[in-house]
Amino acid sequence: MTTTILNPINNAAASAGHQDEVIELTRGCEKAFLAWLTPLVRRQSVTLDLGSVQRIDAAGISALVSLYSCAHRAGHCFSVANVTPHVAEVLRLVGLERILLTKRAAWKCPSGQRLEQTAA
């Protein structure tokens, strides 16, 4: 089983020239976020590195739940890792920390992507 570790939000910010901005997963960016990640979670397991996300709202939570559901229906895993304290608190408040937070440590990669082969 292949798991992809992604930091898509950092990559999107860097490509737009906004490396120093506070990154948010909020209403307005969730549609592009879903359009990019939905096909990937249908093909393989994915862990998102959300280490730079400082703010998340209901639309962002909904996008994460949608990705989790899509991955689960396809027989894959979806989780988030390296969350900021604020994002961790929001996930805890809505009861999603046990479902979405990965137990393993997040990897920081300059490219924002890492493939990992896990035992079957």
PDB file of N, CA and C in Angstrom:
ATOM      1  N   MET A   1       0.846  -1.174   0.000  1.00  0.00           N
ATOM      2  CA  MET A   1       0.000   0.000   0.000  1.00  0.00           C
ATOM      3  C   MET A   1       0.889   1.234   0.000  1.00  0.00           C
ATOM      4  N   THR A   2       0.612   2.202  -0.835  1.00  0.00           N
ATOM      5  CA  THR A   2       1.402   3.414  -0.918  1.00  0.00           C
ATOM      6  C   THR A   2       0.668   4.546  -0.221  1.00  0.00           C
ATOM      7  N   THR A   3       1.391   5.248   0.614  1.00  0.00           N
ATOM      8  CA  THR A   3       0.847   6.420   1.282  1.00  0.00           C
ATOM      9  C   THR A   3       1.601   7.630   0.780  1.00  0.00           C
ATOM     10  N   THR A   4       0.904   8.660   0.414  1.00  0.00           N
ATOM     11  CA  THR A   4       1.535   9.888  -0.016  1.00  0.00           C
ATOM     12  C   THR A   4       1.422  10.909   1.103  1.00  0.00           C
ATOM     13  N   ILE A   5       2.545  11.499   1.468  1.00  0.00           N
ATOM     14  CA  ILE A   5       2.579  12.567   2.459  1.00  0.00           C
ATOM     15  C   ILE A   5       2.662  13.868   1.683  1.00  0.00           C
ATOM     16  N   LEU A   6       1.673  14.710   1.841  1.00  0.00           N
ATOM     17  CA  LEU A   6       1.596  15.938   1.059  1.00  0.00           C
ATOM     18  C   LEU A   6       1.527  17.175   1.929  1.00  0.00           C
ATOM     19  N   ASN A   7       2.063  18.234   1.414  1.00  0.00           N
ATOM     20  CA  ASN A   7       1.894  19.544   2.002  1.00  0.00           C
ATOM     21  C   ASN A   7       1.398  20.459   0.886  1.00  0.00           C
ATOM     22  N   PRO A   8       0.193  20.229   0.395  1.00  0.00           N
ATOM     23  CA  PRO A   8      -0.297  20.947  -0.780  1.00  0.00           C
ATOM     24  C   PRO A   8      -0.545  22.416  -0.520  1.00  0.00           C
ATOM     25  N   ILE A   9      -0.861  22.771   0.695  1.00  0.00           N
ATOM     26  CA  ILE A   9      -1.159  24.165   0.985  1.00  0.00           C
ATOM     27  C   ILE A   9       0.116  24.989   0.899  1.00  0.00           C
ATOM     28  N   ASN A  10       1.216  24.491   1.436  1.00  0.00           N
ATOM     29  CA  ASN A  10       2.490  25.195   1.323  1.00  0.00           C
ATOM     30  C   ASN A  10       2.918  25.315  -0.123  1.00  0.00           C
ATOM     31  N   ASN A  11       2.754  24.254  -0.893  1.00  0.00           N
ATOM     32  CA  ASN A  11       3.138  24.302  -2.298  1.00  0.00           C
ATOM     33  C   ASN A  11       2.326  25.330  -3.061  1.00  0.00           C
ATOM     34  N   ALA A  12       1.038  25.394  -2.803  1.00  0.00           N
ATOM     35  CA  ALA A  12       0.185  26.368  -3.483  1.00  0.00           C
ATOM     36  C   ALA A  12       0.581  27.781  -3.109  1.00  0.00           C
ATOM     37  N   ALA A  13       0.867  28.017  -1.828  1.00  0.00           N
ATOM     38  CA  ALA A  13       1.265  29.355  -1.382  1.00  0.00           C
ATOM     39  C   ALA A  13       2.601  29.755  -1.991  1.00  0.00           C
ATOM     40  N   ALA A  14       3.543  28.821  -2.030  1.00  0.00           N
ATOM     41  CA  ALA A  14       4.862  29.126  -2.578  1.00  0.00           C
ATOM     42  C   ALA A  14       4.779  29.433  -4.068  1.00  0.00           C
ATOM     43  N   SER A  15       3.977  28.664  -4.796  1.00  0.00           N
ATOM     44  CA  SER A  15       3.869  28.899  -6.232  1.00  0.00           C
ATOM     45  C   SER A  15       3.176  30.219  -6.538  1.00  0.00           C
ATOM     46  N   ALA A  16       2.360  30.687  -5.607  1.00  0.00           N
ATOM     47  CA  ALA A  16       1.689  31.974  -5.798  1.00  0.00           C
ATOM     48  C   ALA A  16       2.530  33.129  -5.264  1.00  0.00           C
ATOM     49  N   GLY A  17       3.714  32.823  -4.706  1.00  0.00           N
ATOM     50  CA  GLY A  17       4.585  33.869  -4.192  1.00  0.00           C
ATOM     51  C   GLY A  17       4.163  34.394  -2.834  1.00  0.00           C
ATOM     52  N   HIS A  18       3.439  33.613  -2.046  1.00  0.00           N
ATOM     53  CA  HIS A  18       2.929  34.050  -0.746  1.00  0.00           C
ATOM     54  C   HIS A  18       3.506  33.208   0.387  1.00  0.00           C
ATOM     55  N   GLN A  19       4.804  32.987   0.389  1.00  0.00           N
ATOM     56  CA  GLN A  19       5.407  32.080   1.354  1.00  0.00           C
ATOM     57  C   GLN A  19       5.295  32.571   2.792  1.00  0.00           C
ATOM     58  N   ASP A  20       5.247  33.858   3.023  1.00  0.00           N
ATOM     59  CA  ASP A  20       5.240  34.377   4.379  1.00  0.00           C
ATOM     60  C   ASP A  20       3.847  34.651   4.921  1.00  0.00           C
ATOM     61  N   GLU A  21       2.823  34.413   4.137  1.00  0.00           N
ATOM     62  CA  GLU A  21       1.464  34.677   4.588  1.00  0.00           C
ATOM     63  C   GLU A  21       0.971  33.578   5.519  1.00  0.00           C
ATOM     64  N   VAL A  22       0.019  33.927   6.374  1.00  0.00           N
ATOM     65  CA  VAL A  22      -0.648  32.928   7.198  1.00  0.00           C
ATOM     66  C   VAL A  22      -1.516  32.086   6.275  1.00  0.00           C
ATOM     67  N   ILE A  23      -1.346  30.789   6.339  1.00  0.00           N
ATOM     68  CA  ILE A  23      -2.085  29.888   5.464  1.00  0.00           C
ATOM     69  C   ILE A  23      -3.383  29.489   6.158  1.00  0.00           C
ATOM     70  N   GLU A  24      -4.470  29.523   5.400  1.00  0.00           N
ATOM     71  CA  GLU A  24      -5.786  29.200   5.932  1.00  0.00           C
ATOM     72  C   GLU A  24      -6.466  28.150   5.074  1.00  0.00           C
ATOM     73  N   LEU A  25      -7.218  27.301   5.713  1.00  0.00           N
ATOM     74  CA  LEU A  25      -8.083  26.351   5.013  1.00  0.00           C
ATOM     75  C   LEU A  25      -9.501  26.782   5.354  1.00  0.00           C
ATOM     76  N   THR A  26      -9.989  27.738   4.569  1.00  0.00           N
ATOM     77  CA  THR A  26     -11.253  28.394   4.877  1.00  0.00           C
ATOM     78  C   THR A  26     -12.105  28.515   3.621  1.00  0.00           C
ATOM     79  N   ARG A  27     -13.334  28.991   3.827  1.00  0.00           N
ATOM     80  CA  ARG A  27     -14.264  29.193   2.714  1.00  0.00           C
ATOM     81  C   ARG A  27     -13.599  30.037   1.639  1.00  0.00           C
ATOM     82  N   GLY A  28     -13.728  29.573   0.438  1.00  0.00           N
ATOM     83  CA  GLY A  28     -13.140  30.277  -0.692  1.00  0.00           C
ATOM     84  C   GLY A  28     -11.990  29.498  -1.320  1.00  0.00           C
ATOM     85  N   CYS A  29     -11.268  28.737  -0.497  1.00  0.00           N
ATOM     86  CA  CYS A  29     -10.175  27.935  -1.053  1.00  0.00           C
ATOM     87  C   CYS A  29     -10.497  26.442  -1.036  1.00  0.00           C
ATOM     88  N   GLU A  30     -11.608  26.075  -0.403  1.00  0.00           N
ATOM     89  CA  GLU A  30     -11.899  24.651  -0.245  1.00  0.00           C
ATOM     90  C   GLU A  30     -12.240  23.947  -1.554  1.00  0.00           C
ATOM     91  N   LYS A  31     -12.819  24.648  -2.516  1.00  0.00           N
ATOM     92  CA  LYS A  31     -13.190  23.990  -3.774  1.00  0.00           C
ATOM     93  C   LYS A  31     -11.959  23.574  -4.570  1.00  0.00           C
ATOM     94  N   ALA A  32     -10.970  24.449  -4.659  1.00  0.00           N
ATOM     95  CA  ALA A  32      -9.730  24.102  -5.365  1.00  0.00           C
ATOM     96  C   ALA A  32      -8.977  23.013  -4.615  1.00  0.00           C
ATOM     97  N   PHE A  33      -8.997  23.091  -3.294  1.00  0.00           N
ATOM     98  CA  PHE A  33      -8.365  22.097  -2.433  1.00  0.00           C
ATOM     99  C   PHE A  33      -8.968  20.715  -2.706  1.00  0.00           C
ATOM    100  N   LEU A  34     -10.292  20.637  -2.734  1.00  0.00           N
ATOM    101  CA  LEU A  34     -10.984  19.372  -3.007  1.00  0.00           C
ATOM    102  C   LEU A  34     -10.760  18.897  -4.442  1.00  0.00           C
ATOM    103  N   ALA A  35     -10.794  19.808  -5.390  1.00  0.00           N
ATOM    104  CA  ALA A  35     -10.609  19.428  -6.789  1.00  0.00           C
ATOM    105  C   ALA A  35      -9.234  18.813  -7.011  1.00  0.00           C
ATOM    106  N   TRP A  36      -8.243  19.300  -6.317  1.00  0.00           N
ATOM    107  CA  TRP A  36      -6.894  18.792  -6.477  1.00  0.00           C
ATOM    108  C   TRP A  36      -6.693  17.464  -5.741  1.00  0.00           C
ATOM    109  N   LEU A  37      -7.247  17.333  -4.539  1.00  0.00           N
ATOM    110  CA  LEU A  37      -6.962  16.158  -3.720  1.00  0.00           C
ATOM    111  C   LEU A  37      -7.933  14.993  -3.879  1.00  0.00           C
ATOM    112  N   THR A  38      -9.158  15.232  -4.291  1.00  0.00           N
ATOM    113  CA  THR A  38     -10.131  14.147  -4.405  1.00  0.00           C
ATOM    114  C   THR A  38      -9.664  13.032  -5.333  1.00  0.00           C
ATOM    115  N   PRO A  39      -9.156  13.334  -6.523  1.00  0.00           N
ATOM    116  CA  PRO A  39      -8.682  12.227  -7.371  1.00  0.00           C
ATOM    117  C   PRO A  39      -7.534  11.438  -6.726  1.00  0.00           C
ATOM    118  N   LEU A  40      -6.690  12.111  -5.983  1.00  0.00           N
ATOM    119  CA  LEU A  40      -5.564  11.439  -5.338  1.00  0.00           C
ATOM    120  C   LEU A  40      -6.027  10.488  -4.240  1.00  0.00           C
ATOM    121  N   VAL A  41      -6.967  10.912  -3.394  1.00  0.00           N
ATOM    122  CA  VAL A  41      -7.430  10.031  -2.315  1.00  0.00           C
ATOM    123  C   VAL A  41      -8.253   8.864  -2.856  1.00  0.00           C
ATOM    124  N   ARG A  42      -8.746   8.990  -4.061  1.00  0.00           N
ATOM    125  CA  ARG A  42      -9.432   7.857  -4.692  1.00  0.00           C
ATOM    126  C   ARG A  42      -8.444   6.795  -5.163  1.00  0.00           C
ATOM    127  N   ARG A  43      -7.192   7.214  -5.442  1.00  0.00           N
ATOM    128  CA  ARG A  43      -6.168   6.296  -5.956  1.00  0.00           C
ATOM    129  C   ARG A  43      -5.290   5.682  -4.878  1.00  0.00           C
ATOM    130  N   GLN A  44      -5.101   6.387  -3.767  1.00  0.00           N
ATOM    131  CA  GLN A  44      -4.149   5.909  -2.759  1.00  0.00           C
ATOM    132  C   GLN A  44      -4.396   6.577  -1.417  1.00  0.00           C
ATOM    133  N   SER A  45      -3.759   6.040  -0.394  1.00  0.00           N
ATOM    134  CA  SER A  45      -3.848   6.633   0.938  1.00  0.00           C
ATOM    135  C   SER A  45      -3.030   7.921   0.987  1.00  0.00           C
ATOM    136  N   VAL A  46      -3.529   8.894   1.743  1.00  0.00           N
ATOM    137  CA  VAL A  46      -2.889  10.208   1.793  1.00  0.00           C
ATOM    138  C   VAL A  46      -2.852  10.704   3.232  1.00  0.00           C
ATOM    139  N   THR A  47      -1.713  11.292   3.610  1.00  0.00           N
ATOM    140  CA  THR A  47      -1.596  12.024   4.863  1.00  0.00           C
ATOM    141  C   THR A  47      -1.200  13.446   4.513  1.00  0.00           C
ATOM    142  N   LEU A  48      -1.976  14.413   4.978  1.00  0.00           N
ATOM    143  CA  LEU A  48      -1.690  15.817   4.716  1.00  0.00           C
ATOM    144  C   LEU A  48      -0.906  16.423   5.863  1.00  0.00           C
ATOM    145  N   ASP A  49       0.172  17.110   5.544  1.00  0.00           N
ATOM    146  CA  ASP A  49       0.949  17.861   6.513  1.00  0.00           C
ATOM    147  C   ASP A  49       0.321  19.260   6.595  1.00  0.00           C
ATOM    148  N   LEU A  50      -0.351  19.540   7.685  1.00  0.00           N
ATOM    149  CA  LEU A  50      -1.015  20.835   7.851  1.00  0.00           C
ATOM    150  C   LEU A  50      -0.244  21.751   8.798  1.00  0.00           C
ATOM    151  N   GLY A  51       1.060  21.584   8.866  1.00  0.00           N
ATOM    152  CA  GLY A  51       1.883  22.339   9.789  1.00  0.00           C
ATOM    153  C   GLY A  51       1.866  23.837   9.611  1.00  0.00           C
ATOM    154  N   SER A  52       1.548  24.317   8.439  1.00  0.00           N
ATOM    155  CA  SER A  52       1.538  25.765   8.223  1.00  0.00           C
ATOM    156  C   SER A  52       0.133  26.360   8.250  1.00  0.00           C
ATOM    157  N   VAL A  53      -0.874  25.526   8.430  1.00  0.00           N
ATOM    158  CA  VAL A  53      -2.245  26.036   8.454  1.00  0.00           C
ATOM    159  C   VAL A  53      -2.526  26.640   9.828  1.00  0.00           C
ATOM    160  N   GLN A  54      -2.739  27.932   9.840  1.00  0.00           N
ATOM    161  CA  GLN A  54      -2.980  28.639  11.083  1.00  0.00           C
ATOM    162  C   GLN A  54      -4.456  28.825  11.391  1.00  0.00           C
ATOM    163  N   ARG A  55      -5.294  28.703  10.369  1.00  0.00           N
ATOM    164  CA  ARG A  55      -6.726  28.941  10.558  1.00  0.00           C
ATOM    165  C   ARG A  55      -7.514  27.960   9.720  1.00  0.00           C
ATOM    166  N   ILE A  56      -8.578  27.432  10.322  1.00  0.00           N
ATOM    167  CA  ILE A  56      -9.477  26.528   9.608  1.00  0.00           C
ATOM    168  C   ILE A  56     -10.895  26.864  10.044  1.00  0.00           C
ATOM    169  N   ASP A  57     -11.832  26.839   9.115  1.00  0.00           N
ATOM    170  CA  ASP A  57     -13.227  27.123   9.456  1.00  0.00           C
ATOM    171  C   ASP A  57     -14.097  25.929   9.063  1.00  0.00           C
ATOM    172  N   ALA A  58     -15.404  26.119   9.121  1.00  0.00           N
ATOM    173  CA  ALA A  58     -16.337  25.026   8.816  1.00  0.00           C
ATOM    174  C   ALA A  58     -16.145  24.492   7.404  1.00  0.00           C
ATOM    175  N   ALA A  59     -15.837  25.363   6.456  1.00  0.00           N
ATOM    176  CA  ALA A  59     -15.616  24.904   5.080  1.00  0.00           C
ATOM    177  C   ALA A  59     -14.362  24.041   4.998  1.00  0.00           C
ATOM    178  N   GLY A  60     -13.332  24.408   5.716  1.00  0.00           N
ATOM    179  CA  GLY A  60     -12.106  23.610   5.745  1.00  0.00           C
ATOM    180  C   GLY A  60     -12.326  22.266   6.407  1.00  0.00           C
ATOM    181  N   ILE A  61     -13.055  22.265   7.523  1.00  0.00           N
ATOM    182  CA  ILE A  61     -13.396  21.008   8.203  1.00  0.00           C
ATOM    183  C   ILE A  61     -14.213  20.124   7.269  1.00  0.00           C
ATOM    184  N   SER A  62     -15.182  20.716   6.600  1.00  0.00           N
ATOM    185  CA  SER A  62     -16.020  19.969   5.661  1.00  0.00           C
ATOM    186  C   SER A  62     -15.181  19.361   4.537  1.00  0.00           C
ATOM    187  N   ALA A  63     -14.202  20.103   4.043  1.00  0.00           N
ATOM    188  CA  ALA A  63     -13.328  19.585   2.985  1.00  0.00           C
ATOM    189  C   ALA A  63     -12.530  18.387   3.487  1.00  0.00           C
ATOM    190  N   LEU A  64     -12.010  18.467   4.713  1.00  0.00           N
ATOM    191  CA  LEU A  64     -11.254  17.339   5.269  1.00  0.00           C
ATOM    192  C   LEU A  64     -12.149  16.108   5.452  1.00  0.00           C
ATOM    193  N   VAL A  65     -13.367  16.318   5.932  1.00  0.00           N
ATOM    194  CA  VAL A  65     -14.306  15.209   6.104  1.00  0.00           C
ATOM    195  C   VAL A  65     -14.659  14.602   4.752  1.00  0.00           C
ATOM    196  N   SER A  66     -14.847  15.443   3.754  1.00  0.00           N
ATOM    197  CA  SER A  66     -15.161  14.955   2.412  1.00  0.00           C
ATOM    198  C   SER A  66     -14.019  14.102   1.862  1.00  0.00           C
ATOM    199  N   LEU A  67     -12.786  14.536   2.057  1.00  0.00           N
ATOM    200  CA  LEU A  67     -11.633  13.765   1.595  1.00  0.00           C
ATOM    201  C   LEU A  67     -11.525  12.442   2.350  1.00  0.00           C
ATOM    202  N   TYR A  68     -11.767  12.480   3.648  1.00  0.00           N
ATOM    203  CA  TYR A  68     -11.750  11.259   4.454  1.00  0.00           C
ATOM    204  C   TYR A  68     -12.797  10.266   3.931  1.00  0.00           C
ATOM    205  N   SER A  69     -14.003  10.751   3.698  1.00  0.00           N
ATOM    206  CA  SER A  69     -15.095   9.888   3.222  1.00  0.00           C
ATOM    207  C   SER A  69     -14.784   9.302   1.853  1.00  0.00           C
ATOM    208  N   CYS A  70     -14.272  10.124   0.968  1.00  0.00           N
ATOM    209  CA  CYS A  70     -13.935   9.670  -0.381  1.00  0.00           C
ATOM    210  C   CYS A  70     -12.847   8.597  -0.327  1.00  0.00           C
ATOM    211  N   ALA A  71     -11.820   8.821   0.475  1.00  0.00           N
ATOM    212  CA  ALA A  71     -10.745   7.843   0.615  1.00  0.00           C
ATOM    213  C   ALA A  71     -11.276   6.540   1.202  1.00  0.00           C
ATOM    214  N   HIS A  72     -12.095   6.646   2.229  1.00  0.00           N
ATOM    215  CA  HIS A  72     -12.649   5.467   2.894  1.00  0.00           C
ATOM    216  C   HIS A  72     -13.491   4.639   1.924  1.00  0.00           C
ATOM    217  N   ARG A  73     -14.333   5.304   1.125  1.00  0.00           N
ATOM    218  CA  ARG A  73     -15.155   4.600   0.140  1.00  0.00           C
ATOM    219  C   ARG A  73     -14.290   3.877  -0.895  1.00  0.00           C
ATOM    220  N   ALA A  74     -13.117   4.438  -1.192  1.00  0.00           N
ATOM    221  CA  ALA A  74     -12.212   3.825  -2.176  1.00  0.00           C
ATOM    222  C   ALA A  74     -11.298   2.775  -1.546  1.00  0.00           C
ATOM    223  N   GLY A  75     -11.423   2.569  -0.235  1.00  0.00           N
ATOM    224  CA  GLY A  75     -10.603   1.573   0.443  1.00  0.00           C
ATOM    225  C   GLY A  75      -9.234   2.073   0.855  1.00  0.00           C
ATOM    226  N   HIS A  76      -9.086   3.387   0.948  1.00  0.00           N
ATOM    227  CA  HIS A  76      -7.810   3.993   1.317  1.00  0.00           C
ATOM    228  C   HIS A  76      -7.939   4.733   2.646  1.00  0.00           C
ATOM    229  N   CYS A  77      -6.809   5.172   3.147  1.00  0.00           N
ATOM    230  CA  CYS A  77      -6.778   5.946   4.391  1.00  0.00           C
ATOM    231  C   CYS A  77      -6.539   7.418   4.074  1.00  0.00           C
ATOM    232  N   PHE A  78      -7.071   8.276   4.925  1.00  0.00           N
ATOM    233  CA  PHE A  78      -6.821   9.712   4.832  1.00  0.00           C
ATOM    234  C   PHE A  78      -6.622  10.238   6.235  1.00  0.00           C
ATOM    235  N   SER A  79      -5.568  11.004   6.434  1.00  0.00           N
ATOM    236  CA  SER A  79      -5.314  11.593   7.750  1.00  0.00           C
ATOM    237  C   SER A  79      -4.576  12.906   7.582  1.00  0.00           C
ATOM    238  N   VAL A  80      -4.468  13.632   8.677  1.00  0.00           N
ATOM    239  CA  VAL A  80      -3.691  14.868   8.710  1.00  0.00           C
ATOM    240  C   VAL A  80      -2.633  14.733   9.788  1.00  0.00           C
ATOM    241  N   ALA A  81      -1.536  15.444   9.603  1.00  0.00           N
ATOM    242  CA  ALA A  81      -0.416  15.363  10.544  1.00  0.00           C
ATOM    243  C   ALA A  81       0.198  16.750  10.714  1.00  0.00           C
ATOM    244  N   ASN A  82       1.010  16.871  11.758  1.00  0.00           N
ATOM    245  CA  ASN A  82       1.773  18.090  11.995  1.00  0.00           C
ATOM    246  C   ASN A  82       0.866  19.314  12.088  1.00  0.00           C
ATOM    247  N   VAL A  83      -0.277  19.169  12.742  1.00  0.00           N
ATOM    248  CA  VAL A  83      -1.218  20.279  12.837  1.00  0.00           C
ATOM    249  C   VAL A  83      -0.761  21.292  13.885  1.00  0.00           C
ATOM    250  N   THR A  84      -1.114  22.540  13.659  1.00  0.00           N
ATOM    251  CA  THR A  84      -0.816  23.595  14.626  1.00  0.00           C
ATOM    252  C   THR A  84      -1.725  23.418  15.841  1.00  0.00           C
ATOM    253  N   PRO A  85      -1.367  24.017  16.968  1.00  0.00           N
ATOM    254  CA  PRO A  85      -2.225  23.894  18.154  1.00  0.00           C
ATOM    255  C   PRO A  85      -3.657  24.366  17.902  1.00  0.00           C
ATOM    256  N   HIS A  86      -3.824  25.434  17.137  1.00  0.00           N
ATOM    257  CA  HIS A  86      -5.172  25.939  16.865  1.00  0.00           C
ATOM    258  C   HIS A  86      -5.986  24.925  16.051  1.00  0.00           C
ATOM    259  N   VAL A  87      -5.389  24.388  15.006  1.00  0.00           N
ATOM    260  CA  VAL A  87      -6.103  23.416  14.174  1.00  0.00           C
ATOM    261  C   VAL A  87      -6.399  22.157  14.986  1.00  0.00           C
ATOM    262  N   ALA A  88      -5.454  21.722  15.809  1.00  0.00           N
ATOM    263  CA  ALA A  88      -5.687  20.557  16.669  1.00  0.00           C
ATOM    264  C   ALA A  88      -6.864  20.801  17.604  1.00  0.00           C
ATOM    265  N   GLU A  89      -6.953  21.992  18.156  1.00  0.00           N
ATOM    266  CA  GLU A  89      -8.056  22.328  19.061  1.00  0.00           C
ATOM    267  C   GLU A  89      -9.395  22.323  18.325  1.00  0.00           C
ATOM    268  N   VAL A  90      -9.419  22.868  17.120  1.00  0.00           N
ATOM    269  CA  VAL A  90     -10.655  22.869  16.337  1.00  0.00           C
ATOM    270  C   VAL A  90     -11.072  21.432  16.022  1.00  0.00           C
ATOM    271  N   LEU A  91     -10.131  20.603  15.606  1.00  0.00           N
ATOM    272  CA  LEU A  91     -10.457  19.198  15.322  1.00  0.00           C
ATOM    273  C   LEU A  91     -10.968  18.501  16.575  1.00  0.00           C
ATOM    274  N   ARG A  92     -10.382  18.814  17.724  1.00  0.00           N
ATOM    275  CA  ARG A  92     -10.834  18.222  18.975  1.00  0.00           C
ATOM    276  C   ARG A  92     -12.247  18.686  19.316  1.00  0.00           C
ATOM    277  N   LEU A  93     -12.514  19.972  19.147  1.00  0.00           N
ATOM    278  CA  LEU A  93     -13.836  20.523  19.476  1.00  0.00           C
ATOM    279  C   LEU A  93     -14.955  19.919  18.640  1.00  0.00           C
ATOM    280  N   VAL A  94     -14.656  19.605  17.386  1.00  0.00           N
ATOM    281  CA  VAL A  94     -15.694  19.022  16.529  1.00  0.00           C
ATOM    282  C   VAL A  94     -15.653  17.494  16.538  1.00  0.00           C
ATOM    283  N   GLY A  95     -14.762  16.919  17.341  1.00  0.00           N
ATOM    284  CA  GLY A  95     -14.729  15.466  17.497  1.00  0.00           C
ATOM    285  C   GLY A  95     -14.040  14.710  16.384  1.00  0.00           C
ATOM    286  N   LEU A  96     -13.164  15.364  15.657  1.00  0.00           N
ATOM    287  CA  LEU A  96     -12.517  14.701  14.526  1.00  0.00           C
ATOM    288  C   LEU A  96     -11.062  14.322  14.764  1.00  0.00           C
ATOM    289  N   GLU A  97     -10.504  14.670  15.922  1.00  0.00           N
ATOM    290  CA  GLU A  97      -9.089  14.394  16.132  1.00  0.00           C
ATOM    291  C   GLU A  97      -8.788  12.897  16.102  1.00  0.00           C
ATOM    292  N   ARG A  98      -9.677  12.077  16.606  1.00  0.00           N
ATOM    293  CA  ARG A  98      -9.449  10.629  16.607  1.00  0.00           C
ATOM    294  C   ARG A  98      -9.573  10.020  15.211  1.00  0.00           C
ATOM    295  N   ILE A  99     -10.332  10.664  14.361  1.00  0.00           N
ATOM    296  CA  ILE A  99     -10.546  10.151  13.009  1.00  0.00           C
ATOM    297  C   ILE A  99      -9.486  10.656  12.046  1.00  0.00           C
ATOM    298  N   LEU A 100      -9.135  11.937  12.145  1.00  0.00           N
ATOM    299  CA  LEU A 100      -8.269  12.551  11.147  1.00  0.00           C
ATOM    300  C   LEU A 100      -6.795  12.632  11.510  1.00  0.00           C
ATOM    301  N   LEU A 101      -6.462  12.760  12.788  1.00  0.00           N
ATOM    302  CA  LEU A 101      -5.054  12.931  13.154  1.00  0.00           C
ATOM    303  C   LEU A 101      -4.302  11.615  13.083  1.00  0.00           C
ATOM    304  N   THR A 102      -3.176  11.634  12.398  1.00  0.00           N
ATOM    305  CA  THR A 102      -2.358  10.438  12.282  1.00  0.00           C
ATOM    306  C   THR A 102      -1.562  10.230  13.563  1.00  0.00           C
ATOM    307  N   LYS A 103      -1.254   8.994  13.849  1.00  0.00           N
ATOM    308  CA  LYS A 103      -0.468   8.666  15.033  1.00  0.00           C
ATOM    309  C   LYS A 103       1.023   8.816  14.780  1.00  0.00           C
ATOM    310  N   ARG A 104       1.437   8.769  13.526  1.00  0.00           N
ATOM    311  CA  ARG A 104       2.870   8.870  13.243  1.00  0.00           C
ATOM    312  C   ARG A 104       3.277  10.323  13.038  1.00  0.00           C
ATOM    313  N   ALA A 105       4.528  10.564  13.165  1.00  0.00           N
ATOM    314  CA  ALA A 105       5.057  11.924  13.020  1.00  0.00           C
ATOM    315  C   ALA A 105       4.961  12.365  11.568  1.00  0.00           C
ATOM    316  N   ALA A 106       4.839  13.651  11.386  1.00  0.00           N
ATOM    317  CA  ALA A 106       4.801  14.213  10.035  1.00  0.00           C
ATOM    318  C   ALA A 106       6.222  14.405   9.536  1.00  0.00           C
ATOM    319  N   TRP A 107       6.398  14.273   8.251  1.00  0.00           N
ATOM    320  CA  TRP A 107       7.688  14.509   7.641  1.00  0.00           C
ATOM    321  C   TRP A 107       7.670  15.860   6.965  1.00  0.00           C
ATOM    322  N   LYS A 108       8.746  16.599   7.099  1.00  0.00           N
ATOM    323  CA  LYS A 108       8.864  17.876   6.413  1.00  0.00           C
ATOM    324  C   LYS A 108       9.770  17.665   5.211  1.00  0.00           C
ATOM    325  N   CYS A 109       9.244  17.920   4.045  1.00  0.00           N
ATOM    326  CA  CYS A 109      10.002  17.743   2.815  1.00  0.00           C
ATOM    327  C   CYS A 109      10.024  19.061   2.067  1.00  0.00           C
ATOM    328  N   PRO A 110      11.162  19.440   1.518  1.00  0.00           N
ATOM    329  CA  PRO A 110      11.218  20.680   0.744  1.00  0.00           C
ATOM    330  C   PRO A 110      10.241  20.671  -0.415  1.00  0.00           C
ATOM    331  N   SER A 111      10.043  19.514  -1.007  1.00  0.00           N
ATOM    332  CA  SER A 111       9.140  19.434  -2.163  1.00  0.00           C
ATOM    333  C   SER A 111       7.686  19.423  -1.726  1.00  0.00           C
ATOM    334  N   GLY A 112       7.443  19.124  -0.436  1.00  0.00           N
ATOM    335  CA  GLY A 112       6.080  19.041   0.045  1.00  0.00           C
ATOM    336  C   GLY A 112       5.437  17.688  -0.201  1.00  0.00           C
ATOM    337  N   GLN A 113       6.185  16.767  -0.814  1.00  0.00           N
ATOM    338  CA  GLN A 113       5.605  15.470  -1.106  1.00  0.00           C
ATOM    339  C   GLN A 113       6.602  14.373  -0.768  1.00  0.00           C
ATOM    340  N   ARG A 114       6.117  13.298  -0.211  1.00  0.00           N
ATOM    341  CA  ARG A 114       6.962  12.150   0.095  1.00  0.00           C
ATOM    342  C   ARG A 114       6.149  10.885  -0.095  1.00  0.00           C
ATOM    343  N   LEU A 115       6.713   9.939  -0.763  1.00  0.00           N
ATOM    344  CA  LEU A 115       6.061   8.651  -0.913  1.00  0.00           C
ATOM    345  C   LEU A 115       6.658   7.705   0.104  1.00  0.00           C
ATOM    346  N   GLU A 116       5.819   6.925   0.713  1.00  0.00           N
ATOM    347  CA  GLU A 116       6.272   5.990   1.731  1.00  0.00           C
ATOM    348  C   GLU A 116       5.660   4.635   1.450  1.00  0.00           C
ATOM    349  N   GLN A 117       6.454   3.617   1.476  1.00  0.00           N
ATOM    350  CA  GLN A 117       5.943   2.260   1.319  1.00  0.00           C
ATOM    351  C   GLN A 117       5.660   1.711   2.712  1.00  0.00           C
ATOM    352  N   THR A 118       4.448   1.303   2.979  1.00  0.00           N
ATOM    353  CA  THR A 118       4.103   0.769   4.279  1.00  0.00           C
ATOM    354  C   THR A 118       3.821  -0.718   4.151  1.00  0.00           C
ATOM    355  N   ALA A 119       3.954  -1.415   5.263  1.00  0.00           N
ATOM    356  CA  ALA A 119       3.706  -2.854   5.254  1.00  0.00           C
ATOM    357  C   ALA A 119       2.236  -3.126   5.020  1.00  0.00           C
ATOM    358  N   ALA A 120       1.954  -4.162   4.287  1.00  0.00           N
ATOM    359  CA  ALA A 120       0.566  -4.521   3.986  1.00  0.00           C
ATOM    360  C   ALA A 120      -0.043  -5.290   5.116  1.00  0.00           C
TER     361      ALA A 120
END
